[in-house]
Amino acid sequence: MNFHLTQMPERTVQPRTNGITMIMDKGLSLQEAKNFMSVAHPHIDVIKLGFGTAYVTPNLKEKLAIYASYNIPVYFGGTLFEAFLIRNQFEDYINVCKEFGISYMEVSDGSITIPHAEKCGYIEKLTKYGIVLSEVGSKDAAHIIPPYKWIELMKAELEAGSTYVIAEAREAGNVGIYRGTGEVREGLVQEILTQIPQEKILWEAPQKTQQLYFLELLGCNVNLGNIAPSEIIALETMRIGLRGDTFELYLDK
């Protein structure tokens, strides 16, 4: 940090296993990626190339090399995994990850229906090649999953080998653990936390109000994902009480 302040919360340090921030890159140029990393890299733990953007991103290997130069892992969005799967190209997906040096992999079923035992089988297979993050929750706002089912699915996926389970929200933060308005489904979140360790959950929280909810509920070292590159510094200040929303969280009363 640039200077000393007292009464600051203790943030975990890189390489973190909790308190992680996942950034969603939806199409940064090489120069934008360089500029972004030059200021934000101490606060980034993993970068997701959102949905299927890796397929159409020019100079993909060059972009991955920029992130690798800062030791920041990258993974392809779960939608791309599903795109391979629905075309019966699971082995091709593994080969693509190898070709591009991708050691983090997301297994999701937000766009297609996969029997859950089969999904857990894919998780188990991919753990042989790297770290697996598996996403729970549908991208279809009309498909409401009851809390007991969220817990059941998360438990099974962690047992299959997922390092983290991702609580689905989409890039807009309006499905899954959120209502269509972006409001947190608080009862769902709190019920999940009775059974699943918080350090194993990556909460997708693209909106500031959602980030604030989890920071107030679980503290500065909550795992948050789908953060826009332009919001990473602002989020880190909110984590540690240097933004108006959380200013008094850590001060002696």
Protein backbone atom coordinates (compact mmCIF):
# COMPACT_ATOMS: atom_id res chain seq x y z
CA MET A 1 0.00 0.00 0.00
CA ASN A 2 1.12 3.57 -0.61
CA PHE A 3 0.88 4.80 3.00
CA HIS A 4 -0.13 3.65 6.49
CA LEU A 5 -3.63 3.69 7.93
CA THR A 6 -4.70 2.14 11.23
CA GLN A 7 -7.89 0.12 11.75
CA MET A 8 -7.63 -1.63 8.41
CA PRO A 9 -9.03 -5.13 7.91
CA GLU A 10 -6.60 -7.95 7.21
CA ARG A 11 -6.87 -8.92 3.58
CA THR A 12 -5.53 -12.26 2.44
CA VAL A 13 -2.47 -11.99 0.21
CA GLN A 14 -1.67 -13.49 -3.17
CA PRO A 15 -1.72 -16.30 -4.00
CA ARG A 16 -5.07 -16.34 -2.22
CA THR A 17 -7.34 -19.28 -1.60
CA ASN A 18 -10.11 -17.09 -0.22
CA GLY A 19 -10.92 -13.44 -0.58
CA ILE A 20 -10.40 -13.91 -4.30
CA THR A 21 -11.58 -11.55 -7.01
CA MET A 22 -12.47 -12.95 -10.41
CA ILE A 23 -12.48 -10.49 -13.29
CA MET A 24 -14.55 -10.98 -16.43
CA ASP A 25 -12.73 -10.00 -19.61
CA LYS A 26 -15.38 -9.67 -22.33
CA GLY A 27 -13.03 -8.47 -25.05
CA LEU A 28 -10.20 -6.25 -23.87
CA SER A 29 -7.63 -5.43 -26.53
CA LEU A 30 -3.99 -6.36 -25.97
CA GLN A 31 -3.17 -2.77 -25.05
CA GLU A 32 -6.16 -2.53 -22.74
CA ALA A 33 -5.10 -5.76 -21.05
CA LYS A 34 -1.57 -4.40 -20.57
CA ASN A 35 -2.85 -1.11 -19.15
CA PHE A 36 -5.37 -2.87 -16.94
CA MET A 37 -2.82 -5.27 -15.49
CA SER A 38 -0.29 -2.53 -14.84
CA VAL A 39 -2.57 -0.94 -12.25
CA ALA A 40 -4.86 -3.76 -11.09
CA HIS A 41 -2.77 -6.95 -10.92
CA PRO A 42 -2.23 -6.95 -7.11
CA HIS A 43 -5.98 -7.21 -6.64
CA ILE A 44 -6.81 -9.86 -9.27
CA ASP A 45 -6.74 -13.57 -8.55
CA VAL A 46 -8.24 -15.10 -11.68
CA ILE A 47 -9.55 -13.84 -15.02
CA LYS A 48 -12.44 -15.34 -16.96
CA LEU A 49 -12.67 -14.81 -20.70
CA GLY A 50 -16.44 -14.45 -20.61
CA PHE A 51 -18.83 -16.92 -22.24
CA GLY A 52 -17.49 -17.81 -25.72
CA THR A 53 -15.24 -14.80 -26.30
CA ALA A 54 -12.08 -16.95 -26.42
CA TYR A 55 -13.29 -18.38 -29.73
CA VAL A 56 -13.37 -14.99 -31.48
CA THR A 57 -10.66 -13.06 -29.60
CA PRO A 58 -7.82 -12.03 -31.95
CA ASN A 59 -4.28 -12.66 -30.70
CA LEU A 60 -5.56 -14.94 -27.95
CA LYS A 61 -2.17 -16.43 -27.11
CA GLU A 62 -0.66 -12.95 -26.86
CA LYS A 63 -3.39 -11.86 -24.43
CA LEU A 64 -2.92 -14.97 -22.32
CA ALA A 65 0.82 -14.26 -22.24
CA ILE A 66 0.14 -10.79 -20.81
CA TYR A 67 -1.89 -12.27 -17.96
CA ALA A 68 0.64 -15.07 -17.44
CA SER A 69 3.44 -12.51 -17.07
CA TYR A 70 1.68 -11.38 -13.87
CA ASN A 71 1.06 -14.99 -12.74
CA ILE A 72 -2.70 -14.50 -13.03
CA PRO A 73 -4.56 -17.67 -14.07
CA VAL A 74 -7.15 -17.46 -16.84
CA TYR A 75 -10.06 -19.70 -17.72
CA PHE A 76 -12.61 -19.87 -20.50
CA GLY A 77 -16.24 -19.11 -19.68
CA GLY A 78 -18.49 -22.03 -18.87
CA THR A 79 -20.61 -21.33 -21.93
CA LEU A 80 -17.64 -22.31 -24.10
CA PHE A 81 -17.35 -25.61 -22.20
CA GLU A 82 -21.04 -26.21 -22.90
CA ALA A 83 -20.57 -25.32 -26.57
CA PHE A 84 -17.92 -28.04 -26.88
CA LEU A 85 -20.01 -30.50 -24.91
CA ILE A 86 -23.22 -30.13 -26.91
CA ARG A 87 -21.17 -30.80 -30.07
CA ASN A 88 -19.71 -33.99 -28.55
CA GLN A 89 -16.25 -32.36 -28.40
CA PHE A 90 -15.30 -32.85 -24.77
CA GLU A 91 -11.87 -34.24 -25.66
CA ASP A 92 -11.35 -31.31 -28.03
CA TYR A 93 -12.07 -28.97 -25.11
CA ILE A 94 -9.32 -30.63 -23.09
CA ASN A 95 -6.92 -30.34 -26.01
CA VAL A 96 -7.74 -26.65 -26.50
CA CYS A 97 -7.06 -25.97 -22.82
CA LYS A 98 -3.71 -27.76 -23.16
CA GLU A 99 -2.83 -25.88 -26.36
CA PHE A 100 -3.46 -22.50 -24.76
CA GLY A 101 -1.93 -23.34 -21.39
CA ILE A 102 -5.24 -23.09 -19.54
CA SER A 103 -5.05 -24.83 -16.16
CA TYR A 104 -8.33 -23.50 -14.71
CA MET A 105 -11.54 -24.90 -16.19
CA GLU A 106 -15.19 -24.04 -15.60
CA VAL A 107 -17.85 -26.73 -15.77
CA SER A 108 -21.35 -25.34 -16.08
CA ASP A 109 -24.80 -26.32 -17.26
CA GLY A 110 -26.48 -22.94 -17.40
CA SER A 111 -27.32 -23.11 -21.11
CA ILE A 112 -27.76 -26.85 -21.68
CA THR A 113 -29.21 -29.67 -19.60
CA ILE A 114 -26.67 -32.16 -18.31
CA PRO A 115 -27.66 -34.97 -15.92
CA HIS A 116 -25.98 -34.04 -12.66
CA ALA A 117 -24.12 -37.32 -12.27
CA GLU A 118 -22.70 -36.74 -15.75
CA LYS A 119 -21.70 -33.18 -14.86
CA CYS A 120 -19.87 -34.47 -11.79
CA GLY A 121 -18.14 -36.98 -14.06
CA TYR A 122 -16.79 -34.14 -16.22
CA ILE A 123 -15.59 -32.35 -13.09
CA GLU A 124 -13.77 -35.46 -11.93
CA LYS A 125 -12.14 -35.95 -15.34
CA LEU A 126 -10.97 -32.34 -15.60
CA THR A 127 -9.33 -32.37 -12.17
CA LYS A 128 -6.61 -34.46 -13.83
CA TYR A 129 -5.71 -31.43 -15.97
CA GLY A 130 -6.05 -28.52 -13.56
CA ILE A 131 -8.24 -26.62 -11.12
CA VAL A 132 -11.97 -26.94 -11.69
CA LEU A 133 -14.59 -24.33 -10.90
CA SER A 134 -18.15 -25.54 -11.33
CA GLU A 135 -21.15 -23.29 -11.69
CA VAL A 136 -24.48 -23.94 -10.03
CA GLY A 137 -27.67 -22.19 -11.14
CA SER A 138 -29.50 -21.61 -14.38
CA LYS A 139 -29.21 -18.69 -16.79
CA ASP A 140 -32.96 -19.03 -17.34
CA ALA A 141 -34.67 -16.61 -14.95
CA ALA A 142 -37.83 -18.72 -15.07
CA HIS A 143 -35.99 -21.77 -13.74
CA ILE A 144 -36.00 -21.35 -9.97
CA ILE A 145 -33.88 -23.85 -8.03
CA PRO A 146 -34.97 -24.32 -4.39
CA PRO A 147 -32.33 -23.80 -1.69
CA TYR A 148 -32.07 -27.49 -0.71
CA LYS A 149 -31.24 -28.31 -4.34
CA TRP A 150 -28.53 -25.63 -4.54
CA ILE A 151 -26.94 -27.20 -1.45
CA GLU A 152 -27.25 -30.72 -2.81
CA LEU A 153 -25.68 -29.76 -6.15
CA MET A 154 -22.85 -27.75 -4.56
CA LYS A 155 -21.97 -30.55 -2.15
CA ALA A 156 -21.85 -33.13 -4.94
CA GLU A 157 -19.67 -30.93 -7.16
CA LEU A 158 -17.19 -30.20 -4.38
CA GLU A 159 -17.02 -33.92 -3.66
CA ALA A 160 -16.40 -34.57 -7.38
CA GLY A 161 -13.32 -32.35 -7.21
CA SER A 162 -14.33 -28.73 -7.78
CA THR A 163 -12.06 -26.31 -5.96
CA TYR A 164 -14.81 -23.68 -5.95
CA VAL A 165 -18.49 -23.72 -6.73
CA ILE A 166 -19.69 -20.61 -8.53
CA ALA A 167 -23.09 -19.20 -7.63
CA GLU A 168 -24.62 -18.22 -10.99
CA ALA A 169 -25.67 -14.64 -11.69
CA ARG A 170 -24.80 -14.07 -15.37
CA GLU A 171 -22.82 -11.01 -16.39
CA ALA A 172 -25.76 -8.72 -15.51
CA GLY A 173 -26.45 -10.12 -12.04
CA ASN A 174 -30.14 -10.78 -12.59
CA VAL A 175 -30.61 -14.56 -12.35
CA GLY A 176 -29.59 -17.40 -10.05
CA ILE A 177 -28.86 -15.98 -6.60
CA TYR A 178 -30.50 -12.71 -7.64
CA ARG A 179 -33.98 -11.67 -8.62
CA GLY A 180 -34.59 -10.06 -12.00
CA THR A 181 -34.14 -6.64 -10.38
CA GLY A 182 -30.65 -7.59 -9.17
CA GLU A 183 -31.84 -7.92 -5.57
CA VAL A 184 -30.10 -10.69 -3.60
CA ARG A 185 -32.19 -13.72 -2.76
CA GLU A 186 -31.07 -13.40 0.85
CA GLY A 187 -32.88 -16.46 2.19
CA LEU A 188 -31.24 -18.61 -0.48
CA VAL A 189 -27.76 -17.24 0.23
CA GLN A 190 -28.06 -17.68 3.96
CA GLU A 191 -29.43 -21.21 3.65
CA ILE A 192 -26.55 -22.18 1.33
CA LEU A 193 -24.10 -20.88 3.93
CA THR A 194 -25.50 -23.23 6.58
CA GLN A 195 -24.14 -26.19 4.60
CA ILE A 196 -21.40 -24.98 2.23
CA PRO A 197 -18.17 -23.33 3.52
CA GLN A 198 -18.04 -19.74 2.36
CA GLU A 199 -14.40 -20.06 1.28
CA LYS A 200 -15.51 -22.66 -1.27
CA ILE A 201 -18.11 -20.41 -2.91
CA LEU A 202 -17.39 -17.81 -5.59
CA TRP A 203 -20.32 -15.42 -5.64
CA GLU A 204 -20.90 -13.79 -9.01
CA ALA A 205 -21.59 -10.16 -8.08
CA PRO A 206 -21.26 -7.74 -10.99
CA GLN A 207 -23.32 -4.97 -9.38
CA LYS A 208 -22.02 -2.72 -6.59
CA THR A 209 -25.05 -3.34 -4.37
CA GLN A 210 -24.46 -7.09 -4.67
CA GLN A 211 -20.78 -6.73 -3.79
CA LEU A 212 -21.73 -4.61 -0.78
CA TYR A 213 -24.23 -7.21 0.42
CA PHE A 214 -21.62 -9.95 0.51
CA LEU A 215 -18.96 -7.73 2.06
CA GLU A 216 -21.32 -6.77 4.87
CA LEU A 217 -22.46 -10.37 5.32
CA LEU A 218 -19.14 -12.23 5.06
CA GLY A 219 -16.38 -9.65 5.43
CA CYS A 220 -13.57 -8.30 3.30
CA ASN A 221 -12.30 -11.75 2.28
CA VAL A 222 -15.43 -13.02 0.57
CA ASN A 223 -14.90 -14.52 -2.91
CA LEU A 224 -16.45 -12.32 -5.60
CA GLY A 225 -16.65 -12.84 -9.36
CA ASN A 226 -17.83 -11.36 -12.66
CA ILE A 227 -16.22 -8.06 -11.72
CA ALA A 228 -15.73 -5.62 -14.59
CA PRO A 229 -12.09 -4.63 -15.22
CA SER A 230 -12.97 -0.98 -14.67
CA GLU A 231 -14.33 -1.79 -11.19
CA ILE A 232 -11.43 -3.76 -9.70
CA ILE A 233 -9.77 -0.86 -7.84
CA ALA A 234 -13.12 0.46 -6.66
CA LEU A 235 -14.05 -3.00 -5.35
CA GLU A 236 -10.78 -3.35 -3.47
CA THR A 237 -11.38 -0.01 -1.73
CA MET A 238 -14.88 -1.17 -0.80
CA ARG A 239 -13.43 -4.42 0.58
CA ILE A 240 -11.20 -2.52 3.02
CA GLY A 241 -13.48 0.34 4.07
CA LEU A 242 -12.12 3.10 1.85
CA ARG A 243 -15.35 3.75 -0.03
CA GLY A 244 -18.39 5.46 1.42
CA ASP A 245 -20.51 2.30 1.36
CA THR A 246 -18.20 0.46 3.80
CA PHE A 247 -16.42 3.40 5.43
CA GLU A 248 -17.46 2.59 9.00
CA LEU A 249 -17.25 -1.22 8.84
CA TYR A 250 -13.81 -1.50 10.43
CA LEU A 251 -13.57 1.65 12.54
CA ASP A 252 -13.49 1.43 16.34
CA LYS A 253 -16.83 2.58 17.70
